[in-house]
Amino acid sequence: MKFTPEVIRAITPMFMATIGAVIAVAVLVSPKITDAKWSAGLGLAGTAIAGAAGLAQSSKNEPDFSVKKQGDNLEVETPASDATDGD
């Protein structure tokens, strides 16, 4: 398997969620654990899972604007101008 940026971007949230789940299970099944350690372990697990959810969200990699030169004129296109061009 070749680790391209796309593959790494796809695998990272799954890896973090798995680590969070392992921590949570380890905390829940550990005998003789104090309340403070139990709370800290579940907090760490929740943080790992929340971080995985944040990384799993899609992101747009489109530029906010583009500039084209036509002769002596510069043409600037923005997402807002593209939406109103058809009117």
PDB file of N, CA and C in Angstrom:
ATOM      1  N   MET A   1       0.846  -1.172   0.000  1.00  0.00           N
ATOM      2  CA  MET A   1       0.000   0.000   0.000  1.00  0.00           C
ATOM      3  C   MET A   1       0.894   1.238   0.000  1.00  0.00           C
ATOM      4  N   LYS A   2       0.605   2.136  -0.918  1.00  0.00           N
ATOM      5  CA  LYS A   2       1.383   3.365  -1.026  1.00  0.00           C
ATOM      6  C   LYS A   2       0.710   4.454  -0.181  1.00  0.00           C
ATOM      7  N   PHE A   3       1.471   5.072   0.688  1.00  0.00           N
ATOM      8  CA  PHE A   3       0.925   6.091   1.573  1.00  0.00           C
ATOM      9  C   PHE A   3       0.990   7.457   0.916  1.00  0.00           C
ATOM     10  N   THR A   4      -0.004   7.754   0.111  1.00  0.00           N
ATOM     11  CA  THR A   4      -0.129   9.068  -0.508  1.00  0.00           C
ATOM     12  C   THR A   4      -0.814  10.002   0.494  1.00  0.00           C
ATOM     13  N   PRO A   5      -0.764  11.299   0.276  1.00  0.00           N
ATOM     14  CA  PRO A   5      -1.443  12.220   1.202  1.00  0.00           C
ATOM     15  C   PRO A   5      -2.937  11.923   1.353  1.00  0.00           C
ATOM     16  N   GLU A   6      -3.577  11.477   0.280  1.00  0.00           N
ATOM     17  CA  GLU A   6      -5.003  11.159   0.353  1.00  0.00           C
ATOM     18  C   GLU A   6      -5.254   9.957   1.260  1.00  0.00           C
ATOM     19  N   VAL A   7      -4.392   8.942   1.165  1.00  0.00           N
ATOM     20  CA  VAL A   7      -4.538   7.753   1.999  1.00  0.00           C
ATOM     21  C   VAL A   7      -4.297   8.102   3.464  1.00  0.00           C
ATOM     22  N   ILE A   8      -3.274   8.886   3.724  1.00  0.00           N
ATOM     23  CA  ILE A   8      -2.970   9.299   5.103  1.00  0.00           C
ATOM     24  C   ILE A   8      -4.120  10.123   5.664  1.00  0.00           C
ATOM     25  N   ARG A   9      -4.690  11.028   4.849  1.00  0.00           N
ATOM     26  CA  ARG A   9      -5.811  11.844   5.278  1.00  0.00           C
ATOM     27  C   ARG A   9      -7.039  10.989   5.583  1.00  0.00           C
ATOM     28  N   ALA A  10      -7.185   9.862   4.888  1.00  0.00           N
ATOM     29  CA  ALA A  10      -8.328   8.980   5.120  1.00  0.00           C
ATOM     30  C   ALA A  10      -8.114   8.070   6.325  1.00  0.00           C
ATOM     31  N   ILE A  11      -6.890   7.637   6.549  1.00  0.00           N
ATOM     32  CA  ILE A  11      -6.606   6.680   7.618  1.00  0.00           C
ATOM     33  C   ILE A  11      -6.482   7.343   8.988  1.00  0.00           C
ATOM     34  N   THR A  12      -5.991   8.546   9.051  1.00  0.00           N
ATOM     35  CA  THR A  12      -5.728   9.209  10.323  1.00  0.00           C
ATOM     36  C   THR A  12      -6.955   9.281  11.242  1.00  0.00           C
ATOM     37  N   PRO A  13      -8.131   9.699  10.768  1.00  0.00           N
ATOM     38  CA  PRO A  13      -9.290   9.717  11.679  1.00  0.00           C
ATOM     39  C   PRO A  13      -9.659   8.328  12.200  1.00  0.00           C
ATOM     40  N   MET A  14      -9.551   7.311  11.359  1.00  0.00           N
ATOM     41  CA  MET A  14      -9.861   5.953  11.809  1.00  0.00           C
ATOM     42  C   MET A  14      -8.871   5.490  12.879  1.00  0.00           C
ATOM     43  N   PHE A  15      -7.613   5.829  12.696  1.00  0.00           N
ATOM     44  CA  PHE A  15      -6.579   5.472  13.671  1.00  0.00           C
ATOM     45  C   PHE A  15      -6.847   6.157  15.008  1.00  0.00           C
ATOM     46  N   MET A  16      -7.151   7.456  14.967  1.00  0.00           N
ATOM     47  CA  MET A  16      -7.403   8.192  16.212  1.00  0.00           C
ATOM     48  C   MET A  16      -8.649   7.683  16.916  1.00  0.00           C
ATOM     49  N   ALA A  17      -9.702   7.370  16.170  1.00  0.00           N
ATOM     50  CA  ALA A  17     -10.920   6.841  16.784  1.00  0.00           C
ATOM     51  C   ALA A  17     -10.657   5.480  17.414  1.00  0.00           C
ATOM     52  N   THR A  18      -9.830   4.666  16.771  1.00  0.00           N
ATOM     53  CA  THR A  18      -9.482   3.358  17.331  1.00  0.00           C
ATOM     54  C   THR A  18      -8.705   3.510  18.629  1.00  0.00           C
ATOM     55  N   ILE A  19      -7.754   4.422  18.654  1.00  0.00           N
ATOM     56  CA  ILE A  19      -6.980   4.675  19.880  1.00  0.00           C
ATOM     57  C   ILE A  19      -7.919   5.139  20.997  1.00  0.00           C
ATOM     58  N   GLY A  20      -8.836   6.045  20.691  1.00  0.00           N
ATOM     59  CA  GLY A  20      -9.794   6.514  21.692  1.00  0.00           C
ATOM     60  C   GLY A  20     -10.661   5.382  22.221  1.00  0.00           C
ATOM     61  N   ALA A  21     -11.092   4.493  21.317  1.00  0.00           N
ATOM     62  CA  ALA A  21     -11.921   3.354  21.746  1.00  0.00           C
ATOM     63  C   ALA A  21     -11.132   2.397  22.626  1.00  0.00           C
ATOM     64  N   VAL A  22      -9.876   2.159  22.284  1.00  0.00           N
ATOM     65  CA  VAL A  22      -9.033   1.268  23.096  1.00  0.00           C
ATOM     66  C   VAL A  22      -8.828   1.855  24.489  1.00  0.00           C
ATOM     67  N   ILE A  23      -8.582   3.147  24.570  1.00  0.00           N
ATOM     68  CA  ILE A  23      -8.406   3.794  25.871  1.00  0.00           C
ATOM     69  C   ILE A  23      -9.689   3.679  26.691  1.00  0.00           C
ATOM     70  N   ALA A  24     -10.835   3.931  26.053  1.00  0.00           N
ATOM     71  CA  ALA A  24     -12.112   3.861  26.766  1.00  0.00           C
ATOM     72  C   ALA A  24     -12.381   2.460  27.302  1.00  0.00           C
ATOM     73  N   VAL A  25     -12.146   1.445  26.482  1.00  0.00           N
ATOM     74  CA  VAL A  25     -12.373   0.068  26.929  1.00  0.00           C
ATOM     75  C   VAL A  25     -11.410  -0.290  28.054  1.00  0.00           C
ATOM     76  N   ALA A  26     -10.151   0.133  27.917  1.00  0.00           N
ATOM     77  CA  ALA A  26      -9.162  -0.163  28.955  1.00  0.00           C
ATOM     78  C   ALA A  26      -9.561   0.473  30.281  1.00  0.00           C
ATOM     79  N   VAL A  27     -10.080   1.686  30.236  1.00  0.00           N
ATOM     80  CA  VAL A  27     -10.506   2.363  31.470  1.00  0.00           C
ATOM     81  C   VAL A  27     -11.714   1.655  32.074  1.00  0.00           C
ATOM     82  N   LEU A  28     -12.644   1.257  31.238  1.00  0.00           N
ATOM     83  CA  LEU A  28     -13.881   0.652  31.754  1.00  0.00           C
ATOM     84  C   LEU A  28     -13.665  -0.731  32.356  1.00  0.00           C
ATOM     85  N   VAL A  29     -12.701  -1.493  31.854  1.00  0.00           N
ATOM     86  CA  VAL A  29     -12.503  -2.855  32.353  1.00  0.00           C
ATOM     87  C   VAL A  29     -11.366  -2.967  33.365  1.00  0.00           C
ATOM     88  N   SER A  30     -10.680  -1.872  33.641  1.00  0.00           N
ATOM     89  CA  SER A  30      -9.576  -1.919  34.607  1.00  0.00           C
ATOM     90  C   SER A  30     -10.110  -2.081  36.031  1.00  0.00           C
ATOM     91  N   PRO A  31      -9.575  -3.056  36.759  1.00  0.00           N
ATOM     92  CA  PRO A  31     -10.024  -3.212  38.152  1.00  0.00           C
ATOM     93  C   PRO A  31      -9.305  -2.216  39.062  1.00  0.00           C
ATOM     94  N   LYS A  32      -9.953  -1.867  40.126  1.00  0.00           N
ATOM     95  CA  LYS A  32      -9.371  -0.992  41.151  1.00  0.00           C
ATOM     96  C   LYS A  32      -8.863   0.332  40.583  1.00  0.00           C
ATOM     97  N   ILE A  33      -9.636   0.964  39.747  1.00  0.00           N
ATOM     98  CA  ILE A  33      -9.229   2.265  39.197  1.00  0.00           C
ATOM     99  C   ILE A  33      -9.924   3.365  40.008  1.00  0.00           C
ATOM    100  N   THR A  34      -9.203   4.431  40.296  1.00  0.00           N
ATOM    101  CA  THR A  34      -9.775   5.520  41.087  1.00  0.00           C
ATOM    102  C   THR A  34     -10.696   6.369  40.212  1.00  0.00           C
ATOM    103  N   ASP A  35     -11.526   7.150  40.868  1.00  0.00           N
ATOM    104  CA  ASP A  35     -12.450   8.012  40.132  1.00  0.00           C
ATOM    105  C   ASP A  35     -11.706   9.026  39.271  1.00  0.00           C
ATOM    106  N   ALA A  36     -10.607   9.554  39.787  1.00  0.00           N
ATOM    107  CA  ALA A  36      -9.837  10.551  39.038  1.00  0.00           C
ATOM    108  C   ALA A  36      -9.242   9.941  37.777  1.00  0.00           C
ATOM    109  N   LYS A  37      -8.675   8.743  37.910  1.00  0.00           N
ATOM    110  CA  LYS A  37      -8.091   8.078  36.735  1.00  0.00           C
ATOM    111  C   LYS A  37      -9.177   7.679  35.749  1.00  0.00           C
ATOM    112  N   TRP A  38     -10.337   7.252  36.252  1.00  0.00           N
ATOM    113  CA  TRP A  38     -11.445   6.879  35.394  1.00  0.00           C
ATOM    114  C   TRP A  38     -11.924   8.086  34.586  1.00  0.00           C
ATOM    115  N   SER A  39     -12.064   9.205  35.257  1.00  0.00           N
ATOM    116  CA  SER A  39     -12.513  10.441  34.609  1.00  0.00           C
ATOM    117  C   SER A  39     -11.486  10.929  33.589  1.00  0.00           C
ATOM    118  N   ALA A  40     -10.218  10.896  33.960  1.00  0.00           N
ATOM    119  CA  ALA A  40      -9.165  11.346  33.049  1.00  0.00           C
ATOM    120  C   ALA A  40      -9.065  10.426  31.823  1.00  0.00           C
ATOM    121  N   GLY A  41      -9.190   9.129  32.039  1.00  0.00           N
ATOM    122  CA  GLY A  41      -9.115   8.182  30.919  1.00  0.00           C
ATOM    123  C   GLY A  41     -10.250   8.359  29.939  1.00  0.00           C
ATOM    124  N   LEU A  42     -11.470   8.515  30.458  1.00  0.00           N
ATOM    125  CA  LEU A  42     -12.602   8.722  29.561  1.00  0.00           C
ATOM    126  C   LEU A  42     -12.529  10.089  28.876  1.00  0.00           C
ATOM    127  N   GLY A  43     -11.992  11.074  29.569  1.00  0.00           N
ATOM    128  CA  GLY A  43     -11.797  12.383  28.936  1.00  0.00           C
ATOM    129  C   GLY A  43     -10.801  12.306  27.795  1.00  0.00           C
ATOM    130  N   LEU A  44      -9.711  11.581  28.007  1.00  0.00           N
ATOM    131  CA  LEU A  44      -8.715  11.405  26.950  1.00  0.00           C
ATOM    132  C   LEU A  44      -9.298  10.636  25.776  1.00  0.00           C
ATOM    133  N   ALA A  45     -10.070   9.592  26.067  1.00  0.00           N
ATOM    134  CA  ALA A  45     -10.702   8.816  25.001  1.00  0.00           C
ATOM    135  C   ALA A  45     -11.686   9.676  24.208  1.00  0.00           C
ATOM    136  N   GLY A  46     -12.479  10.466  24.908  1.00  0.00           N
ATOM    137  CA  GLY A  46     -13.431  11.348  24.232  1.00  0.00           C
ATOM    138  C   GLY A  46     -12.748  12.389  23.384  1.00  0.00           C
ATOM    139  N   THR A  47     -11.630  12.905  23.855  1.00  0.00           N
ATOM    140  CA  THR A  47     -10.879  13.890  23.082  1.00  0.00           C
ATOM    141  C   THR A  47     -10.321  13.268  21.803  1.00  0.00           C
ATOM    142  N   ALA A  48      -9.809  12.050  21.898  1.00  0.00           N
ATOM    143  CA  ALA A  48      -9.280  11.370  20.712  1.00  0.00           C
ATOM    144  C   ALA A  48     -10.385  11.112  19.691  1.00  0.00           C
ATOM    145  N   ILE A  49     -11.548  10.696  20.167  1.00  0.00           N
ATOM    146  CA  ILE A  49     -12.657  10.419  19.256  1.00  0.00           C
ATOM    147  C   ILE A  49     -13.181  11.717  18.645  1.00  0.00           C
ATOM    148  N   ALA A  50     -13.258  12.787  19.422  1.00  0.00           N
ATOM    149  CA  ALA A  50     -13.704  14.073  18.893  1.00  0.00           C
ATOM    150  C   ALA A  50     -12.707  14.622  17.872  1.00  0.00           C
ATOM    151  N   GLY A  51     -11.426  14.444  18.133  1.00  0.00           N
ATOM    152  CA  GLY A  51     -10.413  14.861  17.162  1.00  0.00           C
ATOM    153  C   GLY A  51     -10.531  14.088  15.869  1.00  0.00           C
ATOM    154  N   ALA A  52     -10.830  12.810  15.974  1.00  0.00           N
ATOM    155  CA  ALA A  52     -11.020  11.991  14.770  1.00  0.00           C
ATOM    156  C   ALA A  52     -12.223  12.479  13.982  1.00  0.00           C
ATOM    157  N   ALA A  53     -13.290  12.836  14.671  1.00  0.00           N
ATOM    158  CA  ALA A  53     -14.478  13.343  13.983  1.00  0.00           C
ATOM    159  C   ALA A  53     -14.183  14.657  13.277  1.00  0.00           C
ATOM    160  N   GLY A  54     -13.389  15.514  13.902  1.00  0.00           N
ATOM    161  CA  GLY A  54     -13.015  16.773  13.263  1.00  0.00           C
ATOM    162  C   GLY A  54     -12.164  16.564  12.030  1.00  0.00           C
ATOM    163  N   LEU A  55     -11.241  15.611  12.102  1.00  0.00           N
ATOM    164  CA  LEU A  55     -10.396  15.337  10.939  1.00  0.00           C
ATOM    165  C   LEU A  55     -11.154  14.649   9.823  1.00  0.00           C
ATOM    166  N   ALA A  56     -12.213  13.936  10.161  1.00  0.00           N
ATOM    167  CA  ALA A  56     -12.958  13.186   9.157  1.00  0.00           C
ATOM    168  C   ALA A  56     -13.863  14.085   8.315  1.00  0.00           C
ATOM    169  N   GLN A  57     -14.091  15.313   8.739  1.00  0.00           N
ATOM    170  CA  GLN A  57     -14.958  16.204   7.974  1.00  0.00           C
ATOM    171  C   GLN A  57     -14.280  16.598   6.675  1.00  0.00           C
ATOM    172  N   SER A  58     -15.087  16.679   5.632  1.00  0.00           N
ATOM    173  CA  SER A  58     -14.533  17.040   4.331  1.00  0.00           C
ATOM    174  C   SER A  58     -14.134  18.508   4.331  1.00  0.00           C
ATOM    175  N   SER A  59     -13.173  18.813   3.501  1.00  0.00           N
ATOM    176  CA  SER A  59     -12.732  20.195   3.368  1.00  0.00           C
ATOM    177  C   SER A  59     -12.632  20.534   1.896  1.00  0.00           C
ATOM    178  N   LYS A  60     -12.958  21.765   1.568  1.00  0.00           N
ATOM    179  CA  LYS A  60     -12.850  22.217   0.192  1.00  0.00           C
ATOM    180  C   LYS A  60     -11.433  22.731  -0.025  1.00  0.00           C
ATOM    181  N   ASN A  61     -10.808  22.260  -1.063  1.00  0.00           N
ATOM    182  CA  ASN A  61      -9.464  22.730  -1.386  1.00  0.00           C
ATOM    183  C   ASN A  61      -9.482  23.664  -2.585  1.00  0.00           C
ATOM    184  N   GLU A  62     -10.607  24.336  -2.763  1.00  0.00           N
ATOM    185  CA  GLU A  62     -10.718  25.268  -3.875  1.00  0.00           C
ATOM    186  C   GLU A  62     -10.245  26.648  -3.432  1.00  0.00           C
ATOM    187  N   PRO A  63      -9.622  27.386  -4.338  1.00  0.00           N
ATOM    188  CA  PRO A  63      -9.200  28.743  -3.967  1.00  0.00           C
ATOM    189  C   PRO A  63     -10.413  29.650  -3.797  1.00  0.00           C
ATOM    190  N   ASP A  64     -10.245  30.702  -3.009  1.00  0.00           N
ATOM    191  CA  ASP A  64     -11.331  31.651  -2.793  1.00  0.00           C
ATOM    192  C   ASP A  64     -11.574  32.531  -4.014  1.00  0.00           C
ATOM    193  N   PHE A  65     -10.544  32.710  -4.818  1.00  0.00           N
ATOM    194  CA  PHE A  65     -10.698  33.528  -6.011  1.00  0.00           C
ATOM    195  C   PHE A  65      -9.663  33.098  -7.048  1.00  0.00           C
ATOM    196  N   SER A  66      -9.885  33.519  -8.288  1.00  0.00           N
ATOM    197  CA  SER A  66      -8.906  33.274  -9.337  1.00  0.00           C
ATOM    198  C   SER A  66      -8.770  34.544 -10.163  1.00  0.00           C
ATOM    199  N   VAL A  67      -7.590  34.754 -10.697  1.00  0.00           N
ATOM    200  CA  VAL A  67      -7.308  35.933 -11.502  1.00  0.00           C
ATOM    201  C   VAL A  67      -6.806  35.476 -12.861  1.00  0.00           C
ATOM    202  N   LYS A  68      -7.423  36.013 -13.917  1.00  0.00           N
ATOM    203  CA  LYS A  68      -7.005  35.705 -15.278  1.00  0.00           C
ATOM    204  C   LYS A  68      -6.654  37.002 -15.989  1.00  0.00           C
ATOM    205  N   LYS A  69      -5.628  36.935 -16.797  1.00  0.00           N
ATOM    206  CA  LYS A  69      -5.237  38.109 -17.570  1.00  0.00           C
ATOM    207  C   LYS A  69      -5.678  37.904 -19.005  1.00  0.00           C
ATOM    208  N   GLN A  70      -6.463  38.866 -19.527  1.00  0.00           N
ATOM    209  CA  GLN A  70      -6.890  38.836 -20.913  1.00  0.00           C
ATOM    210  C   GLN A  70      -6.465  40.151 -21.548  1.00  0.00           C
ATOM    211  N   GLY A  71      -5.384  40.085 -22.277  1.00  0.00           N
ATOM    212  CA  GLY A  71      -4.830  41.303 -22.850  1.00  0.00           C
ATOM    213  C   GLY A  71      -4.300  42.203 -21.763  1.00  0.00           C
ATOM    214  N   ASP A  72      -4.811  43.435 -21.722  1.00  0.00           N
ATOM    215  CA  ASP A  72      -4.405  44.385 -20.688  1.00  0.00           C
ATOM    216  C   ASP A  72      -5.335  44.359 -19.476  1.00  0.00           C
ATOM    217  N   ASN A  73      -6.371  43.535 -19.520  1.00  0.00           N
ATOM    218  CA  ASN A  73      -7.354  43.499 -18.438  1.00  0.00           C
ATOM    219  C   ASN A  73      -7.130  42.297 -17.530  1.00  0.00           C
ATOM    220  N   LEU A  74      -7.430  42.489 -16.256  1.00  0.00           N
ATOM    221  CA  LEU A  74      -7.411  41.394 -15.296  1.00  0.00           C
ATOM    222  C   LEU A  74      -8.859  41.046 -14.952  1.00  0.00           C
ATOM    223  N   GLU A  75      -9.173  39.757 -14.963  1.00  0.00           N
ATOM    224  CA  GLU A  75     -10.507  39.302 -14.623  1.00  0.00           C
ATOM    225  C   GLU A  75     -10.417  38.501 -13.323  1.00  0.00           C
ATOM    226  N   VAL A  76     -11.160  38.920 -12.316  1.00  0.00           N
ATOM    227  CA  VAL A  76     -11.155  38.256 -11.018  1.00  0.00           C
ATOM    228  C   VAL A  76     -12.476  37.510 -10.853  1.00  0.00           C
ATOM    229  N   GLU A  77     -12.382  36.214 -10.518  1.00  0.00           N
ATOM    230  CA  GLU A  77     -13.581  35.412 -10.284  1.00  0.00           C
ATOM    231  C   GLU A  77     -13.581  34.976  -8.816  1.00  0.00           C
ATOM    232  N   THR A  78     -14.718  35.199  -8.164  1.00  0.00           N
ATOM    233  CA  THR A  78     -14.901  34.741  -6.780  1.00  0.00           C
ATOM    234  C   THR A  78     -16.116  33.820  -6.744  1.00  0.00           C
ATOM    235  N   PRO A  79     -16.240  32.982  -5.721  1.00  0.00           N
ATOM    236  CA  PRO A  79     -17.437  32.136  -5.643  1.00  0.00           C
ATOM    237  C   PRO A  79     -18.724  32.950  -5.664  1.00  0.00           C
ATOM    238  N   ALA A  80     -18.745  34.133  -5.062  1.00  0.00           N
ATOM    239  CA  ALA A  80     -19.933  34.962  -5.053  1.00  0.00           C
ATOM    240  C   ALA A  80     -20.248  35.499  -6.446  1.00  0.00           C
ATOM    241  N   SER A  81     -19.231  35.882  -7.202  1.00  0.00           N
ATOM    242  CA  SER A  81     -19.485  36.398  -8.543  1.00  0.00           C
ATOM    243  C   SER A  81     -19.911  35.295  -9.487  1.00  0.00           C
ATOM    244  N   ASP A  82     -19.440  34.043  -9.258  1.00  0.00           N
ATOM    245  CA  ASP A  82     -19.864  32.925 -10.089  1.00  0.00           C
ATOM    246  C   ASP A  82     -21.349  32.648  -9.905  1.00  0.00           C
ATOM    247  N   ALA A  83     -21.861  32.801  -8.690  1.00  0.00           N
ATOM    248  CA  ALA A  83     -23.266  32.518  -8.406  1.00  0.00           C
ATOM    249  C   ALA A  83     -24.184  33.563  -9.024  1.00  0.00           C
ATOM    250  N   THR A  84     -23.711  34.796  -9.167  1.00  0.00           N
ATOM    251  CA  THR A  84     -24.552  35.869  -9.687  1.00  0.00           C
ATOM    252  C   THR A  84     -24.324  36.114 -11.172  1.00  0.00           C
ATOM    253  N   ASP A  85     -23.370  35.421 -11.794  1.00  0.00           N
ATOM    254  CA  ASP A  85     -23.089  35.647 -13.213  1.00  0.00           C
ATOM    255  C   ASP A  85     -24.237  35.214 -14.106  1.00  0.00           C
ATOM    256  N   GLY A  86     -25.017  34.216 -13.692  1.00  0.00           N
ATOM    257  CA  GLY A  86     -26.077  33.687 -14.521  1.00  0.00           C
ATOM    258  C   GLY A  86     -27.330  34.547 -14.562  1.00  0.00           C
ATOM    259  N   ASP A  87     -27.420  35.590 -13.745  1.00  0.00           N
ATOM    260  CA  ASP A  87     -28.627  36.420 -13.692  1.00  0.00           C
ATOM    261  C   ASP A  87     -28.760  37.326 -14.876  1.00  0.00           C
TER     262      ASP A  87
END
